Amino acid sequence: LDVPSYHKLLYVTDGGMVVAPDLEQKRHILSNALDFCRFLGYDCPKVGVVACVEKLNPKMPETVEGDALKQMNLRGEITGCIIEGPIFYDCAVSKEIADFKGFESPCAGDCDVLVAPNIHAGNLMGKMLTVTCGAKMAGFIVGAKCPIVMTSRGSSPLEKYLSIVISAAAAR
């Protein structure tokens, strides 16, 4: 997503394929996203594992999985990135809001990749940013034998074109 109010491209996963990924599936989804970021030249992408709060809460599986992915990163099981989780969307994309909330992280206000807790949240983020905020989006799936173009029925011709172009580039 190229969001006009954000200072760089923002990659949101997974908003179109895996309905309710478990921790291991999220790890694979993240691995695919990181491979793509490296293909684009990112040395150390900043990842936010999105939940509706920034603190671990055993009653909220999204926070448990966000913390688990962060711990895997800290233990060296997921490398070549910085993972913050759980992190709410506002702290992931706004340093000012993170500072106001007292949330300290190298990812605060500077995430490259957002890992959504489920398909609903990922799809909503994409739709809200494109429809309401004027973001340009290219939708595709990595991790299969070849990239798969993934657009919505309501996607603009530009979004469909950008999705084809980025999928073709990723296939190389």
N, C-alpha and C. Protein backbone atom coordinates (compact mmCIF):
# COMPACT_ATOMS: atom_id res chain seq x y z
N LEU A 1 0.84 -1.19 0.00
CA LEU A 1 0.00 0.00 0.00
C LEU A 1 0.88 1.24 0.00
N ASP A 2 0.53 2.16 -0.87
CA ASP A 2 1.17 3.47 -0.88
C ASP A 2 0.14 4.44 -0.29
N VAL A 3 0.29 4.71 1.01
CA VAL A 3 -0.68 5.52 1.76
C VAL A 3 -0.17 6.97 1.75
N PRO A 4 -0.97 7.91 1.24
CA PRO A 4 -0.51 9.29 1.14
C PRO A 4 0.01 9.88 2.45
N SER A 5 -0.55 9.51 3.58
CA SER A 5 -0.14 10.10 4.85
C SER A 5 0.96 9.32 5.57
N TYR A 6 1.46 8.24 4.94
CA TYR A 6 2.53 7.45 5.57
C TYR A 6 3.81 7.67 4.78
N HIS A 7 4.94 7.65 5.47
CA HIS A 7 6.21 8.05 4.87
C HIS A 7 6.89 6.99 4.01
N LYS A 8 6.30 5.82 3.88
CA LYS A 8 6.88 4.77 3.04
C LYS A 8 5.81 3.75 2.70
N LEU A 9 6.16 2.80 1.85
CA LEU A 9 5.21 1.74 1.51
C LEU A 9 4.89 0.91 2.75
N LEU A 10 3.69 0.38 2.79
CA LEU A 10 3.23 -0.41 3.91
C LEU A 10 2.69 -1.74 3.37
N TYR A 11 3.22 -2.83 3.88
CA TYR A 11 2.81 -4.17 3.44
C TYR A 11 1.92 -4.77 4.52
N VAL A 12 0.71 -5.18 4.14
CA VAL A 12 -0.24 -5.76 5.08
C VAL A 12 -0.49 -7.21 4.68
N THR A 13 -0.37 -8.08 5.65
CA THR A 13 -0.61 -9.48 5.41
C THR A 13 -1.34 -10.10 6.59
N ASP A 14 -2.20 -10.96 6.47
CA ASP A 14 -2.77 -11.53 5.27
C ASP A 14 -4.22 -11.09 5.20
N GLY A 15 -4.58 -10.42 4.15
CA GLY A 15 -5.93 -9.91 4.00
C GLY A 15 -6.73 -10.56 2.90
N GLY A 16 -6.23 -11.70 2.38
CA GLY A 16 -6.95 -12.26 1.27
C GLY A 16 -6.88 -13.76 1.08
N MET A 17 -6.20 -14.49 1.94
CA MET A 17 -6.05 -15.91 1.67
C MET A 17 -6.33 -16.79 2.88
N VAL A 18 -5.56 -16.62 3.95
CA VAL A 18 -5.69 -17.50 5.11
C VAL A 18 -6.67 -16.85 6.10
N VAL A 19 -7.79 -17.52 6.33
CA VAL A 19 -8.89 -16.93 7.10
C VAL A 19 -8.51 -16.65 8.55
N ALA A 20 -8.02 -17.65 9.24
CA ALA A 20 -7.69 -17.50 10.66
C ALA A 20 -6.36 -18.20 10.93
N PRO A 21 -5.26 -17.57 10.53
CA PRO A 21 -3.96 -18.25 10.67
C PRO A 21 -3.57 -18.47 12.12
N ASP A 22 -3.05 -19.67 12.38
CA ASP A 22 -2.50 -19.94 13.71
C ASP A 22 -1.07 -19.41 13.75
N LEU A 23 -0.41 -19.59 14.86
CA LEU A 23 0.92 -19.03 15.04
C LEU A 23 1.89 -19.52 13.97
N GLU A 24 1.89 -20.80 13.69
CA GLU A 24 2.81 -21.35 12.70
C GLU A 24 2.50 -20.81 11.30
N GLN A 25 1.23 -20.68 10.98
CA GLN A 25 0.86 -20.11 9.68
C GLN A 25 1.29 -18.65 9.60
N LYS A 26 1.12 -17.91 10.69
CA LYS A 26 1.57 -16.51 10.69
C LYS A 26 3.08 -16.43 10.49
N ARG A 27 3.80 -17.36 11.08
CA ARG A 27 5.25 -17.39 10.89
C ARG A 27 5.60 -17.60 9.42
N HIS A 28 4.89 -18.49 8.75
CA HIS A 28 5.14 -18.74 7.32
C HIS A 28 4.71 -17.54 6.46
N ILE A 29 3.57 -16.96 6.79
CA ILE A 29 3.10 -15.77 6.07
C ILE A 29 4.12 -14.65 6.22
N LEU A 30 4.61 -14.46 7.43
CA LEU A 30 5.62 -13.43 7.68
C LEU A 30 6.90 -13.73 6.92
N SER A 31 7.31 -14.97 6.91
CA SER A 31 8.52 -15.37 6.18
C SER A 31 8.40 -15.02 4.69
N ASN A 32 7.24 -15.29 4.11
CA ASN A 32 7.02 -14.94 2.71
C ASN A 32 7.07 -13.43 2.50
N ALA A 33 6.45 -12.68 3.41
CA ALA A 33 6.47 -11.22 3.30
C ALA A 33 7.90 -10.69 3.42
N LEU A 34 8.68 -11.26 4.33
CA LEU A 34 10.06 -10.82 4.51
C LEU A 34 10.91 -11.16 3.28
N ASP A 35 10.69 -12.33 2.70
CA ASP A 35 11.40 -12.68 1.46
C ASP A 35 11.11 -11.66 0.38
N PHE A 36 9.86 -11.24 0.27
CA PHE A 36 9.50 -10.24 -0.73
C PHE A 36 10.14 -8.90 -0.42
N CYS A 37 10.15 -8.50 0.84
CA CYS A 37 10.80 -7.24 1.22
C CYS A 37 12.29 -7.28 0.86
N ARG A 38 12.93 -8.40 1.11
CA ARG A 38 14.35 -8.52 0.76
C ARG A 38 14.54 -8.42 -0.75
N PHE A 39 13.63 -9.03 -1.51
CA PHE A 39 13.65 -8.94 -2.97
C PHE A 39 13.60 -7.47 -3.40
N LEU A 40 12.84 -6.66 -2.65
CA LEU A 40 12.71 -5.24 -2.97
C LEU A 40 13.88 -4.40 -2.45
N GLY A 41 14.80 -5.02 -1.70
CA GLY A 41 15.97 -4.30 -1.24
C GLY A 41 15.98 -3.90 0.21
N TYR A 42 14.99 -4.30 0.98
CA TYR A 42 14.97 -3.99 2.41
C TYR A 42 16.03 -4.83 3.12
N ASP A 43 16.85 -4.21 3.94
CA ASP A 43 17.86 -4.94 4.71
C ASP A 43 17.28 -5.54 5.98
N CYS A 44 16.47 -4.77 6.67
CA CYS A 44 15.93 -5.20 7.96
C CYS A 44 14.54 -4.60 8.14
N PRO A 45 13.53 -5.21 7.50
CA PRO A 45 12.18 -4.66 7.62
C PRO A 45 11.69 -4.63 9.06
N LYS A 46 10.89 -3.62 9.35
CA LYS A 46 10.27 -3.50 10.68
C LYS A 46 8.85 -4.04 10.58
N VAL A 47 8.54 -4.98 11.46
CA VAL A 47 7.28 -5.71 11.41
C VAL A 47 6.45 -5.41 12.65
N GLY A 48 5.19 -5.10 12.44
CA GLY A 48 4.26 -4.94 13.54
C GLY A 48 3.23 -6.05 13.49
N VAL A 49 3.12 -6.82 14.57
CA VAL A 49 2.09 -7.85 14.66
C VAL A 49 0.90 -7.20 15.35
N VAL A 50 -0.14 -6.92 14.58
CA VAL A 50 -1.22 -6.05 15.00
C VAL A 50 -2.21 -6.76 15.93
N ALA A 51 -2.55 -6.07 16.98
CA ALA A 51 -3.63 -6.45 17.90
C ALA A 51 -4.28 -5.14 18.35
N CYS A 52 -5.33 -5.21 19.14
CA CYS A 52 -6.01 -3.97 19.53
C CYS A 52 -5.42 -3.34 20.79
N VAL A 53 -4.37 -3.93 21.32
CA VAL A 53 -3.64 -3.36 22.46
C VAL A 53 -2.16 -3.66 22.28
N GLU A 54 -1.34 -2.97 23.06
CA GLU A 54 0.11 -3.16 22.96
C GLU A 54 0.67 -4.05 24.06
N LYS A 55 -0.17 -4.60 24.87
CA LYS A 55 0.30 -5.43 25.99
C LYS A 55 -0.20 -6.86 25.84
N LEU A 56 0.63 -7.78 26.30
CA LEU A 56 0.26 -9.19 26.30
C LEU A 56 -0.92 -9.41 27.24
N ASN A 57 -1.96 -10.04 26.72
CA ASN A 57 -3.14 -10.37 27.51
C ASN A 57 -3.52 -11.81 27.18
N PRO A 58 -3.35 -12.73 28.11
CA PRO A 58 -3.64 -14.15 27.84
C PRO A 58 -5.06 -14.42 27.33
N LYS A 59 -5.99 -13.49 27.58
CA LYS A 59 -7.36 -13.66 27.10
C LYS A 59 -7.54 -13.21 25.65
N MET A 60 -6.47 -12.62 25.09
CA MET A 60 -6.53 -12.12 23.72
C MET A 60 -5.47 -12.85 22.89
N PRO A 61 -5.88 -13.88 22.13
CA PRO A 61 -4.92 -14.69 21.37
C PRO A 61 -4.03 -13.86 20.43
N GLU A 62 -4.55 -12.76 19.90
CA GLU A 62 -3.75 -11.92 19.00
C GLU A 62 -2.53 -11.35 19.71
N THR A 63 -2.69 -11.02 20.98
CA THR A 63 -1.56 -10.48 21.72
C THR A 63 -0.56 -11.58 22.06
N VAL A 64 -1.06 -12.75 22.35
CA VAL A 64 -0.18 -13.89 22.66
C VAL A 64 0.65 -14.25 21.44
N GLU A 65 0.02 -14.30 20.28
CA GLU A 65 0.75 -14.63 19.05
C GLU A 65 1.71 -13.51 18.65
N GLY A 66 1.31 -12.26 18.86
CA GLY A 66 2.20 -11.15 18.57
C GLY A 66 3.45 -11.22 19.42
N ASP A 67 3.27 -11.50 20.70
CA ASP A 67 4.41 -11.64 21.60
C ASP A 67 5.26 -12.84 21.22
N ALA A 68 4.62 -13.94 20.83
CA ALA A 68 5.37 -15.15 20.46
C ALA A 68 6.25 -14.89 19.23
N LEU A 69 5.72 -14.19 18.24
CA LEU A 69 6.54 -13.87 17.05
C LEU A 69 7.69 -12.94 17.42
N LYS A 70 7.43 -11.98 18.30
CA LYS A 70 8.50 -11.09 18.76
C LYS A 70 9.58 -11.89 19.48
N GLN A 71 9.18 -12.81 20.34
CA GLN A 71 10.15 -13.63 21.08
C GLN A 71 10.96 -14.51 20.13
N MET A 72 10.33 -15.05 19.09
CA MET A 72 11.06 -15.83 18.08
C MET A 72 12.13 -14.97 17.42
N ASN A 73 11.80 -13.72 17.16
CA ASN A 73 12.75 -12.78 16.57
C ASN A 73 13.90 -12.51 17.53
N LEU A 74 13.59 -12.28 18.80
CA LEU A 74 14.62 -11.99 19.80
C LEU A 74 15.54 -13.19 20.04
N ARG A 75 15.00 -14.42 19.89
CA ARG A 75 15.80 -15.63 20.06
C ARG A 75 16.57 -16.01 18.79
N GLY A 76 16.38 -15.28 17.71
CA GLY A 76 17.08 -15.58 16.47
C GLY A 76 16.42 -16.65 15.61
N GLU A 77 15.17 -16.97 15.91
CA GLU A 77 14.45 -17.96 15.11
C GLU A 77 13.85 -17.34 13.86
N ILE A 78 13.56 -16.06 13.91
CA ILE A 78 13.14 -15.28 12.75
C ILE A 78 14.14 -14.15 12.64
N THR A 79 14.89 -14.12 11.56
CA THR A 79 16.00 -13.16 11.44
C THR A 79 15.79 -12.19 10.28
N GLY A 80 16.66 -11.19 10.23
CA GLY A 80 16.65 -10.23 9.14
C GLY A 80 15.53 -9.22 9.23
N CYS A 81 15.00 -9.03 10.43
CA CYS A 81 13.92 -8.07 10.63
C CYS A 81 13.87 -7.70 12.10
N ILE A 82 13.05 -6.72 12.41
CA ILE A 82 12.73 -6.37 13.80
C ILE A 82 11.22 -6.56 13.93
N ILE A 83 10.81 -7.38 14.89
CA ILE A 83 9.39 -7.65 15.08
C ILE A 83 8.93 -7.02 16.39
N GLU A 84 7.82 -6.29 16.31
CA GLU A 84 7.15 -5.77 17.50
C GLU A 84 5.76 -6.36 17.56
N GLY A 85 5.43 -6.90 18.70
CA GLY A 85 4.10 -7.45 18.88
C GLY A 85 3.85 -7.76 20.33
N PRO A 86 2.65 -7.56 20.75
CA PRO A 86 1.56 -6.96 19.98
C PRO A 86 1.73 -5.44 19.86
N ILE A 87 1.18 -4.91 18.80
CA ILE A 87 1.20 -3.47 18.58
C ILE A 87 -0.11 -3.08 17.90
N PHE A 88 -0.72 -2.00 18.38
CA PHE A 88 -1.94 -1.53 17.74
C PHE A 88 -1.56 -0.71 16.51
N TYR A 89 -2.46 -0.65 15.55
CA TYR A 89 -2.21 0.04 14.29
C TYR A 89 -1.70 1.46 14.49
N ASP A 90 -2.31 2.20 15.41
CA ASP A 90 -1.91 3.60 15.56
C ASP A 90 -0.45 3.74 15.98
N CYS A 91 0.01 2.88 16.87
CA CYS A 91 1.42 2.93 17.29
C CYS A 91 2.35 2.42 16.18
N ALA A 92 1.86 1.52 15.36
CA ALA A 92 2.68 0.98 14.28
C ALA A 92 3.00 2.02 13.21
N VAL A 93 2.07 2.97 13.01
CA VAL A 93 2.25 3.94 11.93
C VAL A 93 2.43 5.38 12.40
N SER A 94 2.36 5.63 13.70
CA SER A 94 2.52 6.99 14.20
C SER A 94 3.41 7.02 15.43
N LYS A 95 4.59 7.58 15.26
CA LYS A 95 5.53 7.73 16.38
C LYS A 95 4.95 8.67 17.43
N GLU A 96 4.24 9.69 16.98
CA GLU A 96 3.65 10.64 17.92
C GLU A 96 2.64 9.96 18.84
N ILE A 97 1.79 9.12 18.28
CA ILE A 97 0.81 8.41 19.10
C ILE A 97 1.51 7.42 20.03
N ALA A 98 2.51 6.70 19.51
CA ALA A 98 3.26 5.76 20.35
C ALA A 98 3.90 6.50 21.52
N ASP A 99 4.50 7.66 21.23
CA ASP A 99 5.12 8.44 22.30
C ASP A 99 4.07 8.89 23.33
N PHE A 100 2.93 9.35 22.85
CA PHE A 100 1.86 9.79 23.74
C PHE A 100 1.40 8.65 24.66
N LYS A 101 1.34 7.43 24.10
CA LYS A 101 0.91 6.27 24.89
C LYS A 101 2.04 5.70 25.75
N GLY A 102 3.26 6.22 25.57
CA GLY A 102 4.39 5.69 26.31
C GLY A 102 4.87 4.34 25.78
N PHE A 103 4.60 4.08 24.51
CA PHE A 103 4.98 2.82 23.88
C PHE A 103 6.30 3.01 23.15
N GLU A 104 7.33 2.34 23.62
CA GLU A 104 8.65 2.47 23.02
C GLU A 104 9.01 1.22 22.23
N SER A 105 9.42 1.45 20.99
CA SER A 105 9.81 0.36 20.11
C SER A 105 10.50 0.95 18.89
N PRO A 106 11.51 0.27 18.34
CA PRO A 106 12.10 0.75 17.09
C PRO A 106 11.11 0.70 15.93
N CYS A 107 10.03 -0.05 16.08
CA CYS A 107 9.01 -0.15 15.03
C CYS A 107 7.95 0.94 15.14
N ALA A 108 7.84 1.60 16.27
CA ALA A 108 6.79 2.59 16.48
C ALA A 108 6.85 3.68 15.42
N GLY A 109 5.76 3.81 14.70
CA GLY A 109 5.66 4.83 13.67
C GLY A 109 6.49 4.56 12.44
N ASP A 110 7.06 3.38 12.32
CA ASP A 110 8.00 3.11 11.22
C ASP A 110 7.89 1.69 10.68
N CYS A 111 6.74 1.03 10.83
CA CYS A 111 6.59 -0.34 10.35
C CYS A 111 6.59 -0.40 8.83
N ASP A 112 7.22 -1.43 8.33
CA ASP A 112 7.17 -1.75 6.90
C ASP A 112 6.07 -2.77 6.64
N VAL A 113 5.97 -3.75 7.52
CA VAL A 113 5.04 -4.87 7.37
C VAL A 113 4.11 -4.91 8.58
N LEU A 114 2.81 -5.07 8.32
CA LEU A 114 1.85 -5.30 9.38
C LEU A 114 1.27 -6.69 9.21
N VAL A 115 1.36 -7.50 10.25
CA VAL A 115 0.78 -8.84 10.24
C VAL A 115 -0.57 -8.74 10.94
N ALA A 116 -1.62 -8.94 10.16
CA ALA A 116 -2.98 -8.86 10.71
C ALA A 116 -3.31 -10.14 11.47
N PRO A 117 -4.17 -10.02 12.48
CA PRO A 117 -4.52 -11.21 13.26
C PRO A 117 -5.35 -12.23 12.48
N ASN A 118 -6.08 -11.75 11.47
CA ASN A 118 -6.90 -12.65 10.67
C ASN A 118 -7.25 -11.96 9.36
N ILE A 119 -7.92 -12.69 8.49
CA ILE A 119 -8.26 -12.16 7.17
C ILE A 119 -9.17 -10.93 7.26
N HIS A 120 -10.04 -10.92 8.26
CA HIS A 120 -10.96 -9.79 8.41
C HIS A 120 -10.20 -8.50 8.68
N ALA A 121 -9.31 -8.54 9.64
CA ALA A 121 -8.54 -7.34 10.00
C ALA A 121 -7.64 -6.91 8.84
N GLY A 122 -6.98 -7.86 8.19
CA GLY A 122 -6.10 -7.52 7.07
C GLY A 122 -6.87 -6.92 5.91
N ASN A 123 -8.01 -7.49 5.60
CA ASN A 123 -8.82 -6.99 4.51
C ASN A 123 -9.39 -5.62 4.84
N LEU A 124 -9.85 -5.45 6.09
CA LEU A 124 -10.37 -4.15 6.51
C LEU A 124 -9.30 -3.06 6.43
N MET A 125 -8.08 -3.39 6.87
CA MET A 125 -7.01 -2.38 6.79
C MET A 125 -6.80 -1.95 5.35
N GLY A 126 -6.71 -2.93 4.45
CA GLY A 126 -6.50 -2.61 3.04
C GLY A 126 -7.62 -1.77 2.46
N LYS A 127 -8.85 -2.17 2.73
CA LYS A 127 -10.01 -1.44 2.20
C LYS A 127 -10.10 -0.03 2.78
N MET A 128 -9.90 0.10 4.09
CA MET A 128 -9.98 1.42 4.71
C MET A 128 -8.92 2.34 4.14
N LEU A 129 -7.72 1.83 3.96
CA LEU A 129 -6.65 2.68 3.46
C LEU A 129 -6.84 3.05 1.99
N THR A 130 -7.38 2.14 1.18
CA THR A 130 -7.59 2.48 -0.23
C THR A 130 -8.84 3.31 -0.44
N VAL A 131 -9.95 2.91 0.14
CA VAL A 131 -11.22 3.58 -0.12
C VAL A 131 -11.31 4.92 0.60
N THR A 132 -10.92 4.98 1.86
CA THR A 132 -11.09 6.20 2.65
C THR A 132 -9.87 7.12 2.61
N CYS A 133 -8.69 6.53 2.54
CA CYS A 133 -7.47 7.34 2.66
C CYS A 133 -6.75 7.57 1.34
N GLY A 134 -7.27 7.01 0.25
CA GLY A 134 -6.67 7.25 -1.06
C GLY A 134 -5.38 6.50 -1.31
N ALA A 135 -5.15 5.42 -0.58
CA ALA A 135 -3.93 4.63 -0.81
C ALA A 135 -4.01 3.90 -2.14
N LYS A 136 -2.86 3.71 -2.75
CA LYS A 136 -2.75 2.86 -3.93
C LYS A 136 -2.29 1.50 -3.45
N MET A 137 -2.88 0.47 -4.03
CA MET A 137 -2.59 -0.88 -3.54
C MET A 137 -2.29 -1.82 -4.68
N ALA A 138 -1.41 -2.75 -4.41
CA ALA A 138 -1.17 -3.88 -5.30
C ALA A 138 -1.37 -5.13 -4.45
N GLY A 139 -2.29 -5.99 -4.86
CA GLY A 139 -2.58 -7.18 -4.08
C GLY A 139 -2.08 -8.43 -4.76
N PHE A 140 -1.31 -9.21 -4.01
CA PHE A 140 -0.85 -10.48 -4.55
C PHE A 140 -0.42 -11.39 -3.42
N ILE A 141 -0.30 -12.65 -3.75
CA ILE A 141 0.05 -13.67 -2.77
C ILE A 141 1.40 -14.24 -3.14
N VAL A 142 2.31 -14.31 -2.17
CA VAL A 142 3.59 -14.98 -2.36
C VAL A 142 3.60 -16.25 -1.51
N GLY A 143 4.48 -17.17 -1.86
CA GLY A 143 4.59 -18.41 -1.09
C GLY A 143 4.12 -19.62 -1.86
N ALA A 144 3.41 -19.42 -2.97
CA ALA A 144 3.00 -20.52 -3.83
C ALA A 144 4.11 -20.75 -4.86
N LYS A 145 3.88 -21.64 -5.81
CA LYS A 145 4.89 -21.90 -6.85
C LYS A 145 5.18 -20.65 -7.67
N CYS A 146 4.20 -19.77 -7.76
CA CYS A 146 4.39 -18.49 -8.44
C CYS A 146 3.48 -17.48 -7.75
N PRO A 147 3.80 -16.18 -7.87
CA PRO A 147 2.92 -15.17 -7.26
C PRO A 147 1.52 -15.24 -7.86
N ILE A 148 0.53 -14.98 -7.04
CA ILE A 148 -0.87 -15.02 -7.46
C ILE A 148 -1.44 -13.62 -7.33
N VAL A 149 -1.98 -13.10 -8.43
CA VAL A 149 -2.61 -11.79 -8.40
C VAL A 149 -3.88 -11.90 -7.55
N MET A 150 -4.04 -10.98 -6.60
CA MET A 150 -5.21 -11.01 -5.71
C MET A 150 -5.80 -9.61 -5.65
N THR A 151 -6.91 -9.44 -6.32
CA THR A 151 -7.61 -8.15 -6.26
C THR A 151 -9.04 -8.39 -5.80
N SER A 152 -9.69 -7.32 -5.47
CA SER A 152 -11.08 -7.35 -5.03
C SER A 152 -11.99 -7.10 -6.22
N ARG A 153 -13.22 -7.52 -6.09
CA ARG A 153 -14.20 -7.21 -7.15
C ARG A 153 -14.30 -5.71 -7.35
N GLY A 154 -14.11 -4.94 -6.30
CA GLY A 154 -14.23 -3.48 -6.39
C GLY A 154 -12.91 -2.77 -6.68
N SER A 155 -11.86 -3.53 -7.00
CA SER A 155 -10.56 -2.91 -7.28
C SER A 155 -10.63 -2.02 -8.52
N SER A 156 -9.90 -0.93 -8.44
CA SER A 156 -9.82 -0.02 -9.59
C SER A 156 -8.94 -0.65 -10.69
N PRO A 157 -9.07 -0.15 -11.91
CA PRO A 157 -8.17 -0.63 -12.96
C PRO A 157 -6.69 -0.43 -12.59
N LEU A 158 -6.37 0.67 -11.94
CA LEU A 158 -4.98 0.90 -11.52
C LEU A 158 -4.53 -0.18 -10.54
N GLU A 159 -5.37 -0.50 -9.56
CA GLU A 159 -5.00 -1.52 -8.58
C GLU A 159 -4.79 -2.87 -9.27
N LYS A 160 -5.64 -3.21 -10.21
CA LYS A 160 -5.48 -4.47 -10.95
C LYS A 160 -4.17 -4.47 -11.74
N TYR A 161 -3.89 -3.36 -12.39
CA TYR A 161 -2.65 -3.24 -13.16
C TYR A 161 -1.43 -3.36 -12.25
N LEU A 162 -1.42 -2.61 -11.13
CA LEU A 162 -0.29 -2.67 -10.20
C LEU A 162 -0.11 -4.08 -9.62
N SER A 163 -1.21 -4.77 -9.39
CA SER A 163 -1.14 -6.14 -8.86
C SER A 163 -0.49 -7.07 -9.87
N ILE A 164 -0.83 -6.92 -11.13
CA ILE A 164 -0.22 -7.74 -12.18
C ILE A 164 1.26 -7.43 -12.31
N VAL A 165 1.61 -6.15 -12.30
CA VAL A 165 3.00 -5.73 -12.46
C VAL A 165 3.87 -6.26 -11.31
N ILE A 166 3.43 -6.09 -10.07
CA ILE A 166 4.26 -6.52 -8.94
C ILE A 166 4.34 -8.03 -8.88
N SER A 167 3.26 -8.73 -9.26
CA SER A 167 3.31 -10.19 -9.30
C SER A 167 4.28 -10.68 -10.35
N ALA A 168 4.29 -10.03 -11.50
CA ALA A 168 5.22 -10.41 -12.57
C ALA A 168 6.67 -10.16 -12.11
N ALA A 169 6.90 -9.03 -11.44
CA ALA A 169 8.25 -8.75 -10.93
C ALA A 169 8.67 -9.78 -9.89
N ALA A 170 7.76 -10.13 -9.00
CA ALA A 170 8.09 -11.12 -7.96
C ALA A 170 8.34 -12.50 -8.54
N ALA A 171 7.71 -12.81 -9.66
CA ALA A 171 7.89 -14.11 -10.31
C ALA A 171 9.31 -14.28 -10.85
N ARG A 172 9.98 -13.17 -11.12
CA ARG A 172 11.33 -13.22 -11.69
C ARG A 172 12.30 -13.59 -10.60
